[in-house]
Amino acid sequence: MLQHLRSLSGHQNPIYALSNSNRNEIFLTGGNDKGIVEWSLEKLNFEKVLIPVKSSVYCMSSDGSLLLYGQRSGEVQLYDLQKNEIIISIQAHEKPVFDIIPVPEKNEFLTASEDGTVKVWSLTDFTLLYSIQVSAQTVRSIAVSPDRRHLAFGCKDHAIRIYDLHDYSLLHILQKHDRPVTSVQYSPDGKYLVSGGRDAQLHFWSRADYELKHSIPAHLYSIYAIAFHPTLPYFATASQDKSIKLWGSDDLKLYKILSIEKGTHGHTHSINKLIWSTDGRYLLSTGDDRLVIVWEWIP
């Protein structure tokens, strides 16, 4: 299971974004500080400020060669991790960008914003291809199904909207959360979609028909992150209630709670982001306490 390995300090303000890099031993963080920070998983320490930024970084995503990140200002930048240079800066939205994701098979990337739109951009010439008014309120989270057919958008108006990845047509509107939807993720086997919200509920939706199959009152407050292990049948959730929980992805059973209140190491404030290292050896968490915690997977 998961065991505390190291708590890393260095940020001076809350951290909102986490991403793996093009190297297994490196990960990246961003937040209210004026830079994206590079950390070493081998040395378990701060490496350097990789990229200076003008405003808070709310989201980051990498396809291995590129790092994409969105800021509170609405600006989006693409950074070449091999050449170590910014490729382009785009004023993608007038309001903050809350999620960003590459779709390499289509040579596109998507940005989701507080303005309620999702914009589709070319990864070839970085032009705007489509602007989709998904909601009248914030679009907080994006997930792509493993078969690369569907997109799920978690929205502030309590709904999840499912779109066709091929032509960006609206397929379903899922409405079971009582408060804003703050995180969405598809299971790696493609059998279901998991959503978490400010209502502290986890909902499990059948991928076949998007019917609600199961619900868990998983946390005390907002669920800000859902992260499936890359190879093993587990997923982790992180919350404003300062806890991380480990669940079985097959049986939906709760296996571990990582929380100071439960007598383990943990965060002292809201946990904003959660990812697994690419090899699945580590779980990385970060939040308003300005710490990055590295948890080691112990078989």
C-alpha atoms as a PDB file:
ATOM      1  CA  MET A   1       0.000   0.000   0.000  1.00  0.00           C
ATOM      2  CA  LEU A   2       1.045   3.634   0.340  1.00  0.00           C
ATOM      3  CA  GLN A   3       3.667   4.871   2.771  1.00  0.00           C
ATOM      4  CA  HIS A   4       4.945   8.387   3.399  1.00  0.00           C
ATOM      5  CA  LEU A   5       8.378   8.841   1.859  1.00  0.00           C
ATOM      6  CA  ARG A   6       9.153  12.562   1.927  1.00  0.00           C
ATOM      7  CA  SER A   7       7.457  15.941   2.332  1.00  0.00           C
ATOM      8  CA  LEU A   8       9.062  18.514   0.039  1.00  0.00           C
ATOM      9  CA  SER A   9       8.985  22.238   0.702  1.00  0.00           C
ATOM     10  CA  GLY A  10       9.997  25.160  -1.462  1.00  0.00           C
ATOM     11  CA  HIS A  11       6.861  26.810  -2.752  1.00  0.00           C
ATOM     12  CA  GLN A  12       5.878  29.990  -0.925  1.00  0.00           C
ATOM     13  CA  ASN A  13       2.194  29.859  -1.892  1.00  0.00           C
ATOM     14  CA  PRO A  14      -0.541  27.275  -2.552  1.00  0.00           C
ATOM     15  CA  ILE A  15       0.163  24.697  -5.271  1.00  0.00           C
ATOM     16  CA  TYR A  16      -2.566  23.794  -7.777  1.00  0.00           C
ATOM     17  CA  ALA A  17      -0.879  21.831 -10.559  1.00  0.00           C
ATOM     18  CA  LEU A  18       1.228  18.667 -10.830  1.00  0.00           C
ATOM     19  CA  SER A  19       2.611  16.908 -13.880  1.00  0.00           C
ATOM     20  CA  ASN A  20       5.035  14.177 -14.818  1.00  0.00           C
ATOM     21  CA  SER A  21       7.850  15.194 -17.137  1.00  0.00           C
ATOM     22  CA  ASN A  22       9.627  13.557 -20.077  1.00  0.00           C
ATOM     23  CA  ARG A  23      11.847  11.722 -17.583  1.00  0.00           C
ATOM     24  CA  ASN A  24      10.533   9.199 -15.043  1.00  0.00           C
ATOM     25  CA  GLU A  25      12.641  10.669 -12.249  1.00  0.00           C
ATOM     26  CA  ILE A  26      11.363  14.242 -12.704  1.00  0.00           C
ATOM     27  CA  PHE A  27       8.007  15.857 -11.897  1.00  0.00           C
ATOM     28  CA  LEU A  28       6.754  19.435 -12.051  1.00  0.00           C
ATOM     29  CA  THR A  29       4.594  21.689  -9.879  1.00  0.00           C
ATOM     30  CA  GLY A  30       2.913  25.051 -10.323  1.00  0.00           C
ATOM     31  CA  GLY A  31       0.736  27.369  -8.280  1.00  0.00           C
ATOM     32  CA  ASN A  32       0.583  30.895  -6.910  1.00  0.00           C
ATOM     33  CA  ASP A  33       4.354  31.297  -7.147  1.00  0.00           C
ATOM     34  CA  LYS A  34       5.873  32.935 -10.199  1.00  0.00           C
ATOM     35  CA  GLY A  35       7.381  29.803 -11.663  1.00  0.00           C
ATOM     36  CA  ILE A  36       6.958  26.131 -12.558  1.00  0.00           C
ATOM     37  CA  VAL A  37       9.268  24.051 -10.371  1.00  0.00           C
ATOM     38  CA  GLU A  38      11.194  20.899 -11.287  1.00  0.00           C
ATOM     39  CA  TRP A  39      11.679  18.191  -8.623  1.00  0.00           C
ATOM     40  CA  SER A  40      13.719  15.002  -8.545  1.00  0.00           C
ATOM     41  CA  LEU A  41      12.166  11.690  -7.512  1.00  0.00           C
ATOM     42  CA  GLU A  42      15.621  10.129  -7.339  1.00  0.00           C
ATOM     43  CA  LYS A  43      17.078  12.688  -4.957  1.00  0.00           C
ATOM     44  CA  LEU A  44      13.711  13.658  -3.440  1.00  0.00           C
ATOM     45  CA  ASN A  45      14.521  17.345  -3.609  1.00  0.00           C
ATOM     46  CA  PHE A  46      14.012  20.637  -5.403  1.00  0.00           C
ATOM     47  CA  GLU A  47      15.929  20.866  -8.672  1.00  0.00           C
ATOM     48  CA  LYS A  48      15.211  24.288 -10.166  1.00  0.00           C
ATOM     49  CA  VAL A  49      12.612  26.793 -11.285  1.00  0.00           C
ATOM     50  CA  LEU A  50      12.061  25.520 -14.809  1.00  0.00           C
ATOM     51  CA  ILE A  51       9.802  28.212 -16.273  1.00  0.00           C
ATOM     52  CA  PRO A  52       8.949  31.718 -15.014  1.00  0.00           C
ATOM     53  CA  VAL A  53       5.245  32.614 -15.268  1.00  0.00           C
ATOM     54  CA  LYS A  54       3.325  35.866 -15.025  1.00  0.00           C
ATOM     55  CA  SER A  55       0.295  34.619 -13.088  1.00  0.00           C
ATOM     56  CA  SER A  56      -0.834  31.616 -11.048  1.00  0.00           C
ATOM     57  CA  VAL A  57      -0.660  28.223 -12.762  1.00  0.00           C
ATOM     58  CA  TYR A  58      -3.951  26.388 -12.308  1.00  0.00           C
ATOM     59  CA  CYS A  59      -3.348  23.325 -14.511  1.00  0.00           C
ATOM     60  CA  MET A  60      -0.604  21.372 -16.253  1.00  0.00           C
ATOM     61  CA  SER A  61      -0.480  18.359 -18.542  1.00  0.00           C
ATOM     62  CA  SER A  62       2.237  16.580 -20.484  1.00  0.00           C
ATOM     63  CA  ASP A  63       2.263  14.162 -23.401  1.00  0.00           C
ATOM     64  CA  GLY A  64       5.897  13.268 -22.750  1.00  0.00           C
ATOM     65  CA  SER A  65       7.571  15.765 -25.044  1.00  0.00           C
ATOM     66  CA  LEU A  66       5.427  18.831 -24.418  1.00  0.00           C
ATOM     67  CA  LEU A  67       4.288  20.489 -21.209  1.00  0.00           C
ATOM     68  CA  LEU A  68       1.027  22.411 -21.516  1.00  0.00           C
ATOM     69  CA  TYR A  69      -0.069  24.753 -18.733  1.00  0.00           C
ATOM     70  CA  GLY A  70      -2.884  27.229 -18.141  1.00  0.00           C
ATOM     71  CA  GLN A  71      -2.881  30.296 -15.944  1.00  0.00           C
ATOM     72  CA  ARG A  72      -5.271  32.440 -13.950  1.00  0.00           C
ATOM     73  CA  SER A  73      -4.843  35.166 -16.566  1.00  0.00           C
ATOM     74  CA  GLY A  74      -6.346  32.916 -19.251  1.00  0.00           C
ATOM     75  CA  GLU A  75      -2.953  32.509 -20.910  1.00  0.00           C
ATOM     76  CA  VAL A  76      -1.816  29.084 -22.103  1.00  0.00           C
ATOM     77  CA  GLN A  77       1.784  28.157 -22.859  1.00  0.00           C
ATOM     78  CA  LEU A  78       3.400  25.140 -24.479  1.00  0.00           C
ATOM     79  CA  TYR A  79       6.914  24.198 -23.380  1.00  0.00           C
ATOM     80  CA  ASP A  80       9.222  21.792 -25.224  1.00  0.00           C
ATOM     81  CA  LEU A  81      10.660  19.511 -22.515  1.00  0.00           C
ATOM     82  CA  GLN A  82      13.459  18.279 -24.778  1.00  0.00           C
ATOM     83  CA  LYS A  83      14.608  21.644 -26.115  1.00  0.00           C
ATOM     84  CA  ASN A  84      13.827  23.412 -22.817  1.00  0.00           C
ATOM     85  CA  GLU A  85      12.059  26.337 -24.430  1.00  0.00           C
ATOM     86  CA  ILE A  86       8.600  27.884 -24.651  1.00  0.00           C
ATOM     87  CA  ILE A  87       7.118  27.140 -28.067  1.00  0.00           C
ATOM     88  CA  ILE A  88       4.179  29.506 -27.920  1.00  0.00           C
ATOM     89  CA  SER A  89       2.060  31.639 -25.589  1.00  0.00           C
ATOM     90  CA  ILE A  90      -1.660  31.993 -26.350  1.00  0.00           C
ATOM     91  CA  GLN A  91      -4.230  34.236 -24.706  1.00  0.00           C
ATOM     92  CA  ALA A  92      -6.672  31.337 -24.840  1.00  0.00           C
ATOM     93  CA  HIS A  93      -9.418  32.700 -22.571  1.00  0.00           C
ATOM     94  CA  GLU A  94     -10.366  35.939 -20.873  1.00  0.00           C
ATOM     95  CA  LYS A  95     -10.867  34.098 -17.573  1.00  0.00           C
ATOM     96  CA  PRO A  96      -8.760  31.483 -15.734  1.00  0.00           C
ATOM     97  CA  VAL A  97      -7.915  28.152 -17.378  1.00  0.00           C
ATOM     98  CA  PHE A  98      -8.762  25.254 -15.036  1.00  0.00           C
ATOM     99  CA  ASP A  99      -7.796  22.252 -17.128  1.00  0.00           C
ATOM    100  CA  ILE A 100      -5.733  21.494 -20.209  1.00  0.00           C
ATOM    101  CA  ILE A 101      -5.186  18.220 -22.025  1.00  0.00           C
ATOM    102  CA  PRO A 102      -3.397  17.122 -25.204  1.00  0.00           C
ATOM    103  CA  VAL A 103      -5.069  14.873 -27.774  1.00  0.00           C
ATOM    104  CA  PRO A 104      -1.976  13.795 -29.734  1.00  0.00           C
ATOM    105  CA  GLU A 105      -3.751  11.405 -32.085  1.00  0.00           C
ATOM    106  CA  LYS A 106      -5.713  14.375 -33.449  1.00  0.00           C
ATOM    107  CA  ASN A 107      -2.808  16.826 -33.158  1.00  0.00           C
ATOM    108  CA  GLU A 108      -5.001  18.937 -30.886  1.00  0.00           C
ATOM    109  CA  PHE A 109      -5.186  20.133 -27.311  1.00  0.00           C
ATOM    110  CA  LEU A 110      -8.142  21.327 -25.242  1.00  0.00           C
ATOM    111  CA  THR A 111      -8.478  24.100 -22.677  1.00  0.00           C
ATOM    112  CA  ALA A 112     -11.327  24.513 -20.176  1.00  0.00           C
ATOM    113  CA  SER A 113     -12.095  27.807 -18.508  1.00  0.00           C
ATOM    114  CA  GLU A 114     -14.082  29.731 -15.958  1.00  0.00           C
ATOM    115  CA  ASP A 115     -15.865  31.320 -18.936  1.00  0.00           C
ATOM    116  CA  GLY A 116     -17.715  28.023 -19.521  1.00  0.00           C
ATOM    117  CA  THR A 117     -16.030  27.260 -22.835  1.00  0.00           C
ATOM    118  CA  VAL A 118     -13.789  24.462 -23.972  1.00  0.00           C
ATOM    119  CA  LYS A 119     -11.509  25.471 -26.809  1.00  0.00           C
ATOM    120  CA  VAL A 120      -9.848  23.105 -29.249  1.00  0.00           C
ATOM    121  CA  TRP A 121      -6.439  24.119 -30.569  1.00  0.00           C
ATOM    122  CA  SER A 122      -4.131  22.747 -33.239  1.00  0.00           C
ATOM    123  CA  LEU A 123      -0.886  21.199 -32.001  1.00  0.00           C
ATOM    124  CA  THR A 124       0.548  21.803 -35.476  1.00  0.00           C
ATOM    125  CA  ASP A 125       0.153  25.556 -35.959  1.00  0.00           C
ATOM    126  CA  PHE A 126      -1.534  26.425 -32.596  1.00  0.00           C
ATOM    127  CA  THR A 127      -4.586  28.013 -34.229  1.00  0.00           C
ATOM    128  CA  LEU A 128      -8.039  27.905 -32.653  1.00  0.00           C
ATOM    129  CA  LEU A 129     -10.115  25.158 -34.291  1.00  0.00           C
ATOM    130  CA  TYR A 130     -13.316  25.157 -32.232  1.00  0.00           C
ATOM    131  CA  SER A 131     -14.841  27.013 -29.310  1.00  0.00           C
ATOM    132  CA  ILE A 132     -17.543  25.026 -27.500  1.00  0.00           C
ATOM    133  CA  GLN A 133     -19.863  26.708 -25.028  1.00  0.00           C
ATOM    134  CA  VAL A 134     -20.103  23.700 -22.735  1.00  0.00           C
ATOM    135  CA  SER A 135     -21.723  25.502 -19.803  1.00  0.00           C
ATOM    136  CA  ALA A 136     -22.882  28.913 -18.647  1.00  0.00           C
ATOM    137  CA  GLN A 137     -20.494  28.466 -15.714  1.00  0.00           C
ATOM    138  CA  THR A 138     -16.963  27.174 -15.105  1.00  0.00           C
ATOM    139  CA  VAL A 139     -15.728  23.990 -16.771  1.00  0.00           C
ATOM    140  CA  ARG A 140     -13.419  22.593 -14.103  1.00  0.00           C
ATOM    141  CA  SER A 141     -12.181  19.213 -15.330  1.00  0.00           C
ATOM    142  CA  ILE A 142     -11.584  17.256 -18.556  1.00  0.00           C
ATOM    143  CA  ALA A 143     -11.231  13.487 -19.053  1.00  0.00           C
ATOM    144  CA  VAL A 144     -10.712  11.445 -22.224  1.00  0.00           C
ATOM    145  CA  SER A 145     -12.015   7.870 -22.431  1.00  0.00           C
ATOM    146  CA  PRO A 146      -9.337   5.178 -22.921  1.00  0.00           C
ATOM    147  CA  ASP A 147     -10.751   4.240 -26.331  1.00  0.00           C
ATOM    148  CA  ARG A 148     -10.314   7.904 -27.342  1.00  0.00           C
ATOM    149  CA  ARG A 149     -13.963   8.236 -28.338  1.00  0.00           C
ATOM    150  CA  HIS A 150     -15.497  10.391 -25.618  1.00  0.00           C
ATOM    151  CA  LEU A 151     -14.727  13.496 -23.567  1.00  0.00           C
ATOM    152  CA  ALA A 152     -16.159  14.203 -20.126  1.00  0.00           C
ATOM    153  CA  PHE A 153     -16.368  17.753 -18.776  1.00  0.00           C
ATOM    154  CA  GLY A 154     -17.037  18.427 -15.094  1.00  0.00           C
ATOM    155  CA  CYS A 155     -18.937  21.702 -14.671  1.00  0.00           C
ATOM    156  CA  LYS A 156     -19.765  24.185 -11.932  1.00  0.00           C
ATOM    157  CA  ASP A 157     -23.497  23.940 -12.729  1.00  0.00           C
ATOM    158  CA  HIS A 158     -23.446  20.433 -11.127  1.00  0.00           C
ATOM    159  CA  ALA A 159     -23.503  18.629 -14.507  1.00  0.00           C
ATOM    160  CA  ILE A 160     -21.112  16.371 -16.387  1.00  0.00           C
ATOM    161  CA  ARG A 161     -21.298  16.715 -20.137  1.00  0.00           C
ATOM    162  CA  ILE A 162     -20.147  13.959 -22.458  1.00  0.00           C
ATOM    163  CA  TYR A 163     -18.952  14.884 -25.944  1.00  0.00           C
ATOM    164  CA  ASP A 164     -17.868  12.884 -28.983  1.00  0.00           C
ATOM    165  CA  LEU A 165     -14.106  13.299 -29.397  1.00  0.00           C
ATOM    166  CA  HIS A 166     -14.369  12.889 -33.172  1.00  0.00           C
ATOM    167  CA  ASP A 167     -16.737  15.749 -33.992  1.00  0.00           C
ATOM    168  CA  TYR A 168     -17.257  17.407 -30.559  1.00  0.00           C
ATOM    169  CA  SER A 169     -21.003  16.801 -30.568  1.00  0.00           C
ATOM    170  CA  LEU A 170     -22.862  16.642 -27.245  1.00  0.00           C
ATOM    171  CA  LEU A 171     -23.889  13.085 -26.343  1.00  0.00           C
ATOM    172  CA  HIS A 172     -25.080  13.111 -22.714  1.00  0.00           C
ATOM    173  CA  ILE A 173     -25.700  15.417 -19.764  1.00  0.00           C
ATOM    174  CA  LEU A 174     -25.273  13.665 -16.413  1.00  0.00           C
ATOM    175  CA  GLN A 175     -26.991  15.310 -13.449  1.00  0.00           C
ATOM    176  CA  LYS A 176     -26.682  13.621 -10.066  1.00  0.00           C
ATOM    177  CA  HIS A 177     -24.266  15.843  -8.161  1.00  0.00           C
ATOM    178  CA  ASP A 178     -25.855  18.386  -5.817  1.00  0.00           C
ATOM    179  CA  ARG A 179     -22.976  20.839  -6.122  1.00  0.00           C
ATOM    180  CA  PRO A 180     -20.255  21.715  -8.687  1.00  0.00           C
ATOM    181  CA  VAL A 181     -18.342  18.827 -10.278  1.00  0.00           C
ATOM    182  CA  THR A 182     -14.648  19.280  -9.538  1.00  0.00           C
ATOM    183  CA  SER A 183     -13.027  16.121 -10.947  1.00  0.00           C
ATOM    184  CA  VAL A 184     -13.729  13.496 -13.621  1.00  0.00           C
ATOM    185  CA  GLN A 185     -11.695  10.447 -14.665  1.00  0.00           C
ATOM    186  CA  TYR A 186     -12.325   7.345 -16.757  1.00  0.00           C
ATOM    187  CA  SER A 187     -11.175   3.994 -15.382  1.00  0.00           C
ATOM    188  CA  PRO A 188      -8.228   2.605 -17.365  1.00  0.00           C
ATOM    189  CA  ASP A 189     -10.285  -0.391 -18.509  1.00  0.00           C
ATOM    190  CA  GLY A 190     -12.872   1.996 -19.927  1.00  0.00           C
ATOM    191  CA  LYS A 191     -15.761   0.417 -18.043  1.00  0.00           C
ATOM    192  CA  TYR A 192     -16.815   3.469 -16.070  1.00  0.00           C
ATOM    193  CA  LEU A 193     -16.438   7.194 -15.498  1.00  0.00           C
ATOM    194  CA  VAL A 194     -15.812   8.465 -11.967  1.00  0.00           C
ATOM    195  CA  SER A 195     -16.869  11.961 -10.910  1.00  0.00           C
ATOM    196  CA  GLY A 196     -16.246  13.869  -7.710  1.00  0.00           C
ATOM    197  CA  GLY A 197     -17.769  17.135  -6.580  1.00  0.00           C
ATOM    198  CA  ARG A 198     -18.150  19.763  -3.910  1.00  0.00           C
ATOM    199  CA  ASP A 199     -20.886  17.525  -2.485  1.00  0.00           C
ATOM    200  CA  ALA A 200     -18.035  15.144  -1.438  1.00  0.00           C
ATOM    201  CA  GLN A 201     -19.657  12.331  -3.428  1.00  0.00           C
ATOM    202  CA  LEU A 202     -18.018   9.905  -5.829  1.00  0.00           C
ATOM    203  CA  HIS A 203     -20.349   8.794  -8.606  1.00  0.00           C
ATOM    204  CA  PHE A 204     -19.628   5.851 -10.889  1.00  0.00           C
ATOM    205  CA  TRP A 205     -21.184   5.964 -14.353  1.00  0.00           C
ATOM    206  CA  SER A 206     -21.353   3.016 -16.727  1.00  0.00           C
ATOM    207  CA  ARG A 207     -19.288   3.792 -19.810  1.00  0.00           C
ATOM    208  CA  ALA A 208     -21.711   1.777 -21.979  1.00  0.00           C
ATOM    209  CA  ASP A 209     -24.775   3.957 -21.378  1.00  0.00           C
ATOM    210  CA  TYR A 210     -23.641   6.583 -18.797  1.00  0.00           C
ATOM    211  CA  GLU A 211     -26.170   5.348 -16.272  1.00  0.00           C
ATOM    212  CA  LEU A 212     -25.311   5.967 -12.625  1.00  0.00           C
ATOM    213  CA  LYS A 213     -24.329   2.599 -11.146  1.00  0.00           C
ATOM    214  CA  HIS A 214     -22.892   3.431  -7.748  1.00  0.00           C
ATOM    215  CA  SER A 215     -22.328   6.338  -5.357  1.00  0.00           C
ATOM    216  CA  ILE A 216     -20.006   6.702  -2.360  1.00  0.00           C
ATOM    217  CA  PRO A 217     -20.009   9.500   0.247  1.00  0.00           C
ATOM    218  CA  ALA A 218     -16.233   9.468  -0.091  1.00  0.00           C
ATOM    219  CA  HIS A 219     -15.036  12.599   1.721  1.00  0.00           C
ATOM    220  CA  LEU A 220     -16.233  15.343   4.053  1.00  0.00           C
ATOM    221  CA  TYR A 221     -15.674  18.204   1.584  1.00  0.00           C
ATOM    222  CA  SER A 222     -14.891  18.820  -2.090  1.00  0.00           C
ATOM    223  CA  ILE A 223     -13.103  16.097  -4.076  1.00  0.00           C
ATOM    224  CA  TYR A 224     -10.450  17.859  -6.124  1.00  0.00           C
ATOM    225  CA  ALA A 225      -8.554  14.949  -7.675  1.00  0.00           C
ATOM    226  CA  ILE A 226      -9.082  11.367  -8.840  1.00  0.00           C
ATOM    227  CA  ALA A 227      -6.034   9.405 -10.003  1.00  0.00           C
ATOM    228  CA  PHE A 228      -5.962   5.784 -11.229  1.00  0.00           C
ATOM    229  CA  HIS A 229      -2.808   3.741 -10.720  1.00  0.00           C
ATOM    230  CA  PRO A 230      -1.190   3.152 -14.139  1.00  0.00           C
ATOM    231  CA  THR A 231      -1.010  -0.655 -13.795  1.00  0.00           C
ATOM    232  CA  LEU A 232      -2.680  -1.856 -10.582  1.00  0.00           C
ATOM    233  CA  PRO A 233      -6.432  -1.988  -9.752  1.00  0.00           C
ATOM    234  CA  TYR A 234      -6.490   1.020  -7.428  1.00  0.00           C
ATOM    235  CA  PHE A 235      -7.312   4.702  -7.571  1.00  0.00           C
ATOM    236  CA  ALA A 236      -6.733   7.564  -5.159  1.00  0.00           C
ATOM    237  CA  THR A 237      -8.867  10.576  -4.322  1.00  0.00           C
ATOM    238  CA  ALA A 238      -7.889  13.862  -2.683  1.00  0.00           C
ATOM    239  CA  SER A 239     -10.077  16.376  -0.953  1.00  0.00           C
ATOM    240  CA  GLN A 240     -10.465  19.759   0.632  1.00  0.00           C
ATOM    241  CA  ASP A 241     -10.892  17.766   3.867  1.00  0.00           C
ATOM    242  CA  LYS A 242      -7.059  17.254   3.854  1.00  0.00           C
ATOM    243  CA  SER A 243      -7.244  13.507   3.284  1.00  0.00           C
ATOM    244  CA  ILE A 244      -6.168  11.107   0.536  1.00  0.00           C
ATOM    245  CA  LYS A 245      -8.068   7.847   0.170  1.00  0.00           C
ATOM    246  CA  LEU A 246      -7.049   4.725  -1.724  1.00  0.00           C
ATOM    247  CA  TRP A 247      -9.801   2.639  -3.310  1.00  0.00           C
ATOM    248  CA  GLY A 248      -9.995  -0.624  -5.237  1.00  0.00           C
ATOM    249  CA  SER A 249     -10.975   0.082  -8.827  1.00  0.00           C
ATOM    250  CA  ASP A 250     -12.576  -3.364  -9.167  1.00  0.00           C
ATOM    251  CA  ASP A 251     -14.424  -3.672  -5.852  1.00  0.00           C
ATOM    252  CA  LEU A 252     -14.679   0.087  -4.966  1.00  0.00           C
ATOM    253  CA  LYS A 253     -13.524  -0.842  -1.468  1.00  0.00           C
ATOM    254  CA  LEU A 254     -11.693   1.703   0.706  1.00  0.00           C
ATOM    255  CA  TYR A 255      -8.192   0.386   1.470  1.00  0.00           C
ATOM    256  CA  LYS A 256      -6.276   3.283   3.010  1.00  0.00           C
ATOM    257  CA  ILE A 257      -6.778   6.770   4.452  1.00  0.00           C
ATOM    258  CA  LEU A 258      -3.804   9.121   4.519  1.00  0.00           C
ATOM    259  CA  SER A 259      -4.604  11.933   6.920  1.00  0.00           C
ATOM    260  CA  ILE A 260      -3.100  13.600   9.968  1.00  0.00           C
ATOM    261  CA  GLU A 261      -6.463  13.135  11.669  1.00  0.00           C
ATOM    262  CA  LYS A 262      -6.120   9.367  11.130  1.00  0.00           C
ATOM    263  CA  GLY A 263      -2.638   9.299  12.604  1.00  0.00           C
ATOM    264  CA  THR A 264      -0.597   9.173   9.401  1.00  0.00           C
ATOM    265  CA  HIS A 265       1.522  11.788   7.700  1.00  0.00           C
ATOM    266  CA  GLY A 266      -0.573  14.156   5.624  1.00  0.00           C
ATOM    267  CA  HIS A 267      -1.456  17.624   4.482  1.00  0.00           C
ATOM    268  CA  THR A 268      -2.556  20.375   6.857  1.00  0.00           C
ATOM    269  CA  HIS A 269      -4.739  22.176   4.301  1.00  0.00           C
ATOM    270  CA  SER A 270      -6.826  21.422   1.224  1.00  0.00           C
ATOM    271  CA  ILE A 271      -5.262  18.938  -1.224  1.00  0.00           C
ATOM    272  CA  ASN A 272      -5.584  20.325  -4.738  1.00  0.00           C
ATOM    273  CA  LYS A 273      -3.871  17.819  -7.006  1.00  0.00           C
ATOM    274  CA  LEU A 274      -2.853  14.170  -7.093  1.00  0.00           C
ATOM    275  CA  ILE A 275      -0.916  12.139  -9.691  1.00  0.00           C
ATOM    276  CA  TRP A 276       0.968   8.844  -9.926  1.00  0.00           C
ATOM    277  CA  SER A 277       4.512   8.750 -11.220  1.00  0.00           C
ATOM    278  CA  THR A 278       4.647   7.233 -14.698  1.00  0.00           C
ATOM    279  CA  ASP A 279       5.998   3.926 -13.355  1.00  0.00           C
ATOM    280  CA  GLY A 280       3.426   3.759 -10.548  1.00  0.00           C
ATOM    281  CA  ARG A 281       6.070   3.649  -7.804  1.00  0.00           C
ATOM    282  CA  TYR A 282       4.964   6.915  -6.218  1.00  0.00           C
ATOM    283  CA  LEU A 283       1.829   8.915  -5.547  1.00  0.00           C
ATOM    284  CA  LEU A 284       2.386  12.679  -5.492  1.00  0.00           C
ATOM    285  CA  SER A 285       0.064  15.098  -3.710  1.00  0.00           C
ATOM    286  CA  THR A 286       0.043  18.834  -3.178  1.00  0.00           C
ATOM    287  CA  GLY A 287      -2.182  21.640  -1.988  1.00  0.00           C
ATOM    288  CA  ASP A 288      -2.730  24.811  -0.027  1.00  0.00           C
ATOM    289  CA  ASP A 289      -0.100  23.934   2.614  1.00  0.00           C
ATOM    290  CA  ARG A 290       2.603  24.554  -0.046  1.00  0.00           C
ATOM    291  CA  LEU A 291       4.005  21.039   0.377  1.00  0.00           C
ATOM    292  CA  VAL A 292       4.519  18.253  -2.107  1.00  0.00           C
ATOM    293  CA  ILE A 293       4.213  14.871  -0.436  1.00  0.00           C
ATOM    294  CA  VAL A 294       5.757  11.791  -2.037  1.00  0.00           C
ATOM    295  CA  TRP A 295       4.051   8.514  -1.094  1.00  0.00           C
ATOM    296  CA  GLU A 296       5.770   5.249  -1.992  1.00  0.00           C
ATOM    297  CA  TRP A 297       3.833   2.220  -3.180  1.00  0.00           C
ATOM    298  CA  ILE A 298       4.774  -0.787  -1.045  1.00  0.00           C
ATOM    299  CA  PRO A 299       3.591  -4.105  -2.604  1.00  0.00           C
END
